[in-house]
Amino acid sequence: MVGIVSYGTYIPVYRIKAEEIARIWGENAESIKSGLGVYEKAVADIDEDTATISVEASREALRRCGIPSEEIGAVFVGSESHPYAVKPTATIVAEAVGANRFCYAADLEFACKAGTAGMQICVAMVKAGMIKYGLAIGADTSQSSPGDALEYSAASGGAAFIIGKDETIAEVKDTLSFTTDTPDFWRREGMPYPSHGGRFTGEPAYFRHVYTAAKEIMKRNNLSPEDFSYAVFHMPNGKFPTRVARMLGFSSEQIEQGLVVRRIGNTYSGSSLIGFSAVLDVAKPGERILLTSFGSGAGSDAFIFEVTENIESFPREPKVWEKIERAKYIDYGLYAKLRKKIRMV
């Protein structure tokens, strides 16, 4: 079976609290935290972008499994904040990690599910015998207009997964996608910040797609929520994944370990993948994991994973939650500088 051979994550050390953002805009921090379920978020430093985040996460994934980097036959970087409008991020990552020069490489963009789309492509290529190992990455330095509700959640971070057949720690039992043309979130060429449809981003966007994809993959495999140890859903905020879990019949306990958005914010393409990594940090052999991403525009990718015996000998340190705890808090002024919200004309 094809599955995950290794994984790595990167979370910037800088954080800004919801209270600090609310102070600037004269809003009620407690209302924001209870309404969005987001308490703080990770902020990329001046020398951190989607490329550097992807490289760091990929290098950790390679260190953990010991696979020679030249055996990586494909590199796909999913993001909606690639550092160049015309210049691939994937080539930077492939060069930095020492991937095979005869490798497939491409940047992917499907809002917040570009990372899981890369995983699906790698799974298919490994199954087809085109490559031995593929590297799928979801990373972002998310944008948000000053004063917009997104400013509380749009964060930075990423996760990388090596897909292959040998020594897998979690097998891919099935995957599917549900896709429609639902314009809930967008950013025009040349515009610095995205726009969104407010409550429209919930219904008919997030909930319809995540629910339908998760429900269908369980139906096709004759499984129910009780058959899973963990469920991970895309996390635009802390409320949406909890609500869709209840709609599907999952308990809060099944999603709690992977619900990292409250502390690092929504890393867009890396959101569900960092949460999934947090689950792999504690998973045991034989446990099933449901992963369902969401990308505005809109679509969801659903996966069923089964953890293998190899997880017990796999080096999982440092864990995601350990990285989350390594936080340095900054004020809004430094945050605005780092995120280039102050523009000189």
Protein backbone atom coordinates (compact mmCIF):
# COMPACT_ATOMS: atom_id res chain seq x y z
CA MET A 1 0.00 0.00 0.00
CA VAL A 2 1.09 3.54 -0.73
CA GLY A 3 1.28 5.86 2.23
CA ILE A 4 3.22 8.37 4.25
CA VAL A 5 6.86 7.47 4.78
CA SER A 6 7.77 10.61 6.71
CA TYR A 7 6.55 14.09 7.57
CA GLY A 8 7.90 17.38 8.85
CA THR A 9 6.52 20.73 9.95
CA TYR A 10 7.67 24.29 10.39
CA ILE A 11 5.96 26.95 12.50
CA PRO A 12 7.48 30.43 12.83
CA VAL A 13 8.39 31.35 16.39
CA TYR A 14 6.71 34.79 16.35
CA ARG A 15 3.10 35.07 17.56
CA ILE A 16 0.60 37.85 17.93
CA LYS A 17 -2.31 37.53 20.34
CA ALA A 18 -5.91 38.27 19.45
CA GLU A 19 -5.93 40.84 22.27
CA GLU A 20 -3.19 42.86 20.54
CA ILE A 21 -5.02 42.95 17.20
CA ALA A 22 -8.30 43.83 18.92
CA ARG A 23 -6.59 46.65 20.85
CA ILE A 24 -5.55 48.36 17.62
CA TRP A 25 -8.98 48.16 16.02
CA GLY A 26 -11.01 48.89 19.16
CA GLU A 27 -12.69 45.49 19.21
CA ASN A 28 -13.63 43.14 22.04
CA ALA A 29 -10.93 40.46 22.24
CA GLU A 30 -13.03 38.04 24.29
CA SER A 31 -15.84 38.25 21.77
CA ILE A 32 -13.37 37.61 18.94
CA LYS A 33 -11.83 34.60 20.68
CA SER A 34 -15.17 33.04 21.53
CA GLY A 35 -16.61 33.82 18.11
CA LEU A 36 -13.70 32.61 15.98
CA GLY A 37 -12.08 30.15 18.37
CA VAL A 38 -8.67 31.71 17.60
CA TYR A 39 -6.49 33.04 20.44
CA GLU A 40 -3.23 33.88 18.64
CA LYS A 41 -1.45 33.23 15.36
CA ALA A 42 2.02 32.50 13.98
CA VAL A 43 3.75 35.32 12.09
CA ALA A 44 6.55 34.81 9.57
CA ASP A 45 9.76 36.76 10.23
CA ILE A 46 11.21 39.13 7.63
CA ASP A 47 13.34 36.30 6.16
CA GLU A 48 10.60 33.64 6.18
CA ASP A 49 8.29 32.91 3.26
CA THR A 50 6.53 29.95 1.66
CA ALA A 51 9.80 28.76 0.11
CA THR A 52 11.83 28.79 3.36
CA ILE A 53 8.96 27.23 5.33
CA SER A 54 8.66 24.47 2.71
CA VAL A 55 12.40 23.80 2.78
CA GLU A 56 12.55 23.56 6.58
CA ALA A 57 9.55 21.21 6.78
CA SER A 58 10.95 19.05 3.95
CA ARG A 59 14.40 18.80 5.52
CA GLU A 60 12.83 17.62 8.77
CA ALA A 61 10.84 14.98 6.88
CA LEU A 62 14.01 13.74 5.16
CA ARG A 63 16.03 13.68 8.40
CA ARG A 64 13.40 11.61 10.14
CA CYS A 65 13.27 8.80 7.60
CA GLY A 66 16.85 8.75 6.31
CA ILE A 67 15.81 8.44 2.66
CA PRO A 68 18.54 9.71 0.29
CA SER A 69 17.23 13.00 -1.09
CA GLU A 70 18.09 11.97 -4.65
CA GLU A 71 15.35 9.33 -4.43
CA ILE A 72 12.70 12.07 -4.29
CA GLY A 73 11.21 11.96 -7.78
CA ALA A 74 8.53 14.66 -7.44
CA VAL A 75 8.13 17.91 -5.53
CA PHE A 76 4.76 19.66 -5.34
CA VAL A 77 4.32 22.83 -3.29
CA GLY A 78 0.75 23.84 -2.53
CA SER A 79 0.26 27.45 -1.45
CA GLU A 80 -1.73 30.61 -2.11
CA SER A 81 1.21 32.83 -1.12
CA HIS A 82 4.05 31.71 -3.37
CA PRO A 83 6.88 34.27 -3.13
CA TYR A 84 6.96 34.80 -6.91
CA ALA A 85 4.06 35.45 -9.26
CA VAL A 86 6.21 34.01 -12.07
CA LYS A 87 8.91 31.66 -10.75
CA PRO A 88 8.16 28.28 -9.17
CA THR A 89 8.62 27.60 -5.48
CA ALA A 90 8.97 23.86 -6.17
CA THR A 91 12.30 24.30 -7.96
CA ILE A 92 13.71 26.21 -4.97
CA VAL A 93 12.65 23.44 -2.62
CA ALA A 94 13.89 20.63 -4.88
CA GLU A 95 17.30 22.28 -5.20
CA ALA A 96 17.57 23.07 -1.48
CA VAL A 97 16.77 19.51 -0.33
CA GLY A 98 18.85 17.81 -3.05
CA ALA A 99 16.03 16.07 -4.90
CA ASN A 100 16.79 14.12 -8.06
CA ARG A 101 17.41 16.48 -10.97
CA PHE A 102 15.10 14.31 -13.09
CA CYS A 103 12.16 15.06 -10.82
CA TYR A 104 8.65 16.26 -11.51
CA ALA A 105 8.15 19.69 -9.93
CA ALA A 106 5.23 22.10 -9.88
CA ASP A 107 3.50 24.72 -7.79
CA LEU A 108 -0.13 24.03 -6.94
CA GLU A 109 -2.83 26.51 -6.03
CA PHE A 110 -6.32 25.61 -4.89
CA ALA A 111 -6.78 27.98 -1.99
CA CYS A 112 -6.42 26.02 1.25
CA LYS A 113 -6.37 22.51 -0.20
CA ALA A 114 -3.38 22.77 -2.53
CA GLY A 115 -1.25 20.75 -0.09
CA THR A 116 -3.62 17.78 -0.02
CA ALA A 117 -3.94 18.00 -3.80
CA GLY A 118 -0.17 17.49 -3.93
CA MET A 119 -0.52 14.43 -1.71
CA GLN A 120 -3.10 12.94 -4.07
CA ILE A 121 -0.82 13.50 -7.07
CA CYS A 122 2.12 11.84 -5.28
CA VAL A 123 -0.04 8.87 -4.24
CA ALA A 124 -1.16 8.38 -7.85
CA MET A 125 2.40 8.67 -9.23
CA VAL A 126 3.81 6.19 -6.71
CA LYS A 127 0.98 3.74 -7.47
CA ALA A 128 1.64 4.11 -11.19
CA GLY A 129 5.34 3.39 -10.73
CA MET A 130 6.39 6.77 -12.11
CA ILE A 131 8.34 7.66 -8.95
CA LYS A 132 9.63 5.89 -5.86
CA TYR A 133 9.04 8.79 -3.48
CA GLY A 134 7.17 12.06 -3.84
CA LEU A 135 7.31 15.18 -1.66
CA ALA A 136 4.01 17.00 -1.09
CA ILE A 137 4.02 20.30 0.77
CA GLY A 138 1.36 22.68 2.05
CA ALA A 139 2.77 26.03 3.21
CA ASP A 140 1.64 29.64 3.44
CA THR A 141 2.30 33.09 4.77
CA SER A 142 -1.33 34.04 4.64
CA GLN A 143 -2.54 37.53 3.76
CA SER A 144 -5.22 39.60 5.47
CA SER A 145 -6.38 43.17 5.00
CA PRO A 146 -5.79 45.42 8.04
CA GLY A 147 -8.89 45.47 10.20
CA ASP A 148 -10.55 42.53 8.44
CA ALA A 149 -11.76 39.55 10.50
CA LEU A 150 -9.18 37.44 8.64
CA GLU A 151 -6.44 39.35 10.43
CA TYR A 152 -7.10 37.33 13.57
CA SER A 153 -6.53 34.01 11.82
CA ALA A 154 -4.40 34.42 8.65
CA ALA A 155 -1.10 32.92 9.79
CA SER A 156 2.16 31.32 8.61
CA GLY A 157 3.44 27.74 8.65
CA GLY A 158 3.63 24.52 6.69
CA ALA A 159 3.97 20.75 6.56
CA ALA A 160 5.74 18.34 4.20
CA PHE A 161 4.98 14.67 3.52
CA ILE A 162 7.09 12.04 1.78
CA ILE A 163 4.85 9.56 -0.04
CA GLY A 164 6.03 6.09 -1.01
CA LYS A 165 5.56 2.35 -0.59
CA ASP A 166 8.48 1.37 1.67
CA GLU A 167 8.34 1.58 5.47
CA THR A 168 5.13 3.61 5.52
CA ILE A 169 3.95 4.93 8.88
CA ALA A 170 0.38 5.56 7.67
CA GLU A 171 -1.20 3.85 4.67
CA VAL A 172 -3.60 5.68 2.38
CA LYS A 173 -6.66 3.43 2.31
CA ASP A 174 -8.71 5.73 0.09
CA THR A 175 -8.97 9.31 -1.12
CA LEU A 176 -11.54 11.31 -3.09
CA SER A 177 -12.42 14.91 -3.93
CA PHE A 178 -15.65 16.90 -4.09
CA THR A 179 -15.53 19.99 -6.31
CA THR A 180 -17.89 22.81 -7.32
CA ASP A 181 -17.61 26.39 -8.57
CA THR A 182 -18.43 28.27 -5.36
CA PRO A 183 -16.76 31.72 -5.22
CA ASP A 184 -16.52 32.25 -1.48
CA PHE A 185 -12.94 33.60 -1.30
CA TRP A 186 -10.69 35.17 -3.94
CA ARG A 187 -7.79 37.51 -4.68
CA ARG A 188 -7.42 39.21 -8.05
CA GLU A 189 -4.03 39.47 -9.77
CA GLY A 190 -2.06 42.37 -8.30
CA MET A 191 -4.26 42.77 -5.24
CA PRO A 192 -2.35 42.53 -1.93
CA TYR A 193 -5.19 41.05 0.15
CA PRO A 194 -7.94 38.49 -0.48
CA SER A 195 -11.66 39.15 -0.37
CA HIS A 196 -14.30 36.86 1.07
CA GLY A 197 -18.04 36.39 1.12
CA GLY A 198 -18.52 36.69 4.88
CA ARG A 199 -21.06 34.15 6.12
CA PHE A 200 -21.21 32.74 2.59
CA THR A 201 -17.82 31.12 3.31
CA GLY A 202 -19.57 28.78 5.75
CA GLU A 203 -22.66 27.80 3.77
CA PRO A 204 -22.63 26.80 0.96
CA ALA A 205 -18.84 26.71 0.86
CA TYR A 206 -16.98 25.10 3.79
CA PHE A 207 -19.71 22.98 5.35
CA ARG A 208 -21.20 21.64 2.12
CA HIS A 209 -17.84 20.52 0.72
CA VAL A 210 -16.21 19.16 3.87
CA TYR A 211 -19.37 17.35 4.96
CA THR A 212 -20.05 15.85 1.52
CA ALA A 213 -16.47 14.65 0.96
CA ALA A 214 -16.12 13.15 4.44
CA LYS A 215 -19.55 11.52 4.33
CA GLU A 216 -18.92 9.99 0.90
CA ILE A 217 -15.52 8.50 1.69
CA MET A 218 -16.91 6.87 4.84
CA LYS A 219 -19.86 5.52 2.86
CA ARG A 220 -17.64 4.06 0.13
CA ASN A 221 -15.53 2.27 2.74
CA ASN A 222 -18.44 1.16 4.96
CA LEU A 223 -17.07 3.14 7.90
CA SER A 224 -18.69 5.40 10.48
CA PRO A 225 -17.25 8.04 12.86
CA GLU A 226 -16.87 5.39 15.56
CA ASP A 227 -14.32 3.58 13.36
CA PHE A 228 -11.85 6.47 13.54
CA SER A 229 -9.52 7.44 16.35
CA TYR A 230 -8.99 10.95 14.96
CA ALA A 231 -10.61 13.30 12.47
CA VAL A 232 -8.85 16.36 11.04
CA PHE A 233 -10.69 19.02 9.06
CA HIS A 234 -9.52 22.26 7.47
CA MET A 235 -9.30 24.98 10.12
CA PRO A 236 -10.14 28.48 8.86
CA ASN A 237 -11.03 29.16 12.50
CA GLY A 238 -11.69 27.14 15.62
CA LYS A 239 -15.47 26.92 15.17
CA PHE A 240 -15.92 25.46 11.68
CA PRO A 241 -14.08 22.12 12.18
CA THR A 242 -15.80 21.52 15.51
CA ARG A 243 -19.23 22.17 13.98
CA VAL A 244 -18.69 19.95 10.92
CA ALA A 245 -17.38 17.19 13.20
CA ARG A 246 -20.67 17.27 15.12
CA MET A 247 -22.63 17.29 11.85
CA LEU A 248 -20.83 14.10 10.81
CA GLY A 249 -21.17 12.42 14.20
CA PHE A 250 -17.60 12.82 15.49
CA SER A 251 -16.89 13.77 19.09
CA SER A 252 -14.86 16.77 20.21
CA GLU A 253 -12.25 14.35 21.57
CA GLN A 254 -11.67 12.87 18.12
CA ILE A 255 -10.62 16.24 16.65
CA GLU A 256 -9.06 17.96 19.68
CA GLN A 257 -5.49 16.73 19.18
CA GLY A 258 -5.35 18.07 15.64
CA LEU A 259 -7.12 21.38 16.32
CA VAL A 260 -4.02 23.58 16.27
CA VAL A 261 -5.65 26.65 14.73
CA ARG A 262 -6.42 28.24 18.10
CA ARG A 263 -2.72 28.68 18.76
CA ILE A 264 -1.10 29.18 15.34
CA GLY A 265 -3.98 30.46 13.22
CA ASN A 266 -5.03 29.42 9.74
CA THR A 267 -1.97 28.59 7.64
CA TYR A 268 -4.22 28.06 4.61
CA SER A 269 -2.64 25.21 2.61
CA GLY A 270 -0.84 24.00 5.75
CA SER A 271 -3.79 24.25 8.13
CA SER A 272 -5.23 20.73 8.02
CA LEU A 273 -1.77 19.26 7.30
CA ILE A 274 -0.19 20.71 10.45
CA GLY A 275 -3.18 19.38 12.40
CA PHE A 276 -2.74 16.00 10.71
CA SER A 277 0.95 16.06 11.68
CA ALA A 278 -0.02 16.73 15.31
CA VAL A 279 -2.19 13.60 15.17
CA LEU A 280 0.62 11.51 13.66
CA ASP A 281 2.79 12.70 16.57
CA VAL A 282 0.63 10.68 18.99
CA ALA A 283 -1.00 8.02 16.78
CA LYS A 284 -0.68 4.31 17.52
CA PRO A 285 -0.55 1.29 15.18
CA GLY A 286 -3.92 0.25 13.82
CA GLU A 287 -5.64 3.58 14.40
CA ARG A 288 -7.64 5.15 11.58
CA ILE A 289 -7.46 8.85 10.77
CA LEU A 290 -9.90 10.83 8.63
CA LEU A 291 -8.38 13.90 6.97
CA THR A 292 -10.58 16.31 5.02
CA SER A 293 -9.22 19.56 3.62
CA PHE A 294 -11.10 22.48 2.08
CA GLY A 295 -10.14 24.97 -0.59
CA SER A 296 -12.23 28.01 -1.37
CA GLY A 297 -13.52 28.22 -4.87
CA ALA A 298 -14.32 25.37 -3.89
CA GLY A 299 -13.47 21.76 -3.09
CA SER A 300 -12.51 19.22 -0.46
CA ASP A 301 -10.04 16.31 -0.48
CA ALA A 302 -10.82 13.44 1.89
CA PHE A 303 -8.39 10.71 2.98
CA ILE A 304 -8.60 7.60 5.12
CA PHE A 305 -5.28 6.64 6.72
CA GLU A 306 -4.40 3.60 8.78
CA VAL A 307 -1.38 3.85 11.05
CA THR A 308 1.19 1.03 10.72
CA GLU A 309 3.57 -0.64 13.16
CA ASN A 310 6.42 1.47 11.77
CA ILE A 311 5.11 4.50 13.65
CA GLU A 312 6.49 3.08 16.91
CA SER A 313 10.11 3.32 15.78
CA PHE A 314 9.65 6.53 13.80
CA PRO A 315 11.38 9.62 15.30
CA ARG A 316 8.57 12.08 16.04
CA GLU A 317 10.49 14.71 17.99
CA PRO A 318 10.08 17.62 18.17
CA LYS A 319 6.32 17.31 18.09
CA VAL A 320 3.99 19.92 16.63
CA TRP A 321 2.73 20.98 20.02
CA GLU A 322 6.30 21.46 21.25
CA LYS A 323 6.89 23.83 18.33
CA ILE A 324 3.67 25.66 19.15
CA GLU A 325 4.88 26.25 22.69
CA ARG A 326 8.11 27.88 21.42
CA ALA A 327 6.50 31.29 21.04
CA LYS A 328 7.82 34.85 21.07
CA TYR A 329 5.03 37.39 21.26
CA ILE A 330 5.19 40.62 19.28
CA ASP A 331 3.14 43.83 19.14
CA TYR A 332 1.05 45.06 16.23
CA GLY A 333 3.73 47.47 15.05
CA LEU A 334 6.32 44.73 14.46
CA TYR A 335 3.64 42.47 13.03
CA ALA A 336 2.62 45.16 10.51
CA LYS A 337 6.26 45.61 9.51
CA LEU A 338 6.93 41.89 9.09
CA ARG A 339 3.75 41.33 7.08
CA LYS A 340 4.48 44.42 4.95
CA LYS A 341 1.21 46.12 5.88
CA ILE A 342 3.05 49.44 5.92
CA ARG A 343 3.70 50.40 2.30
CA MET A 344 5.99 53.28 1.34
CA VAL A 345 4.92 55.31 -1.69
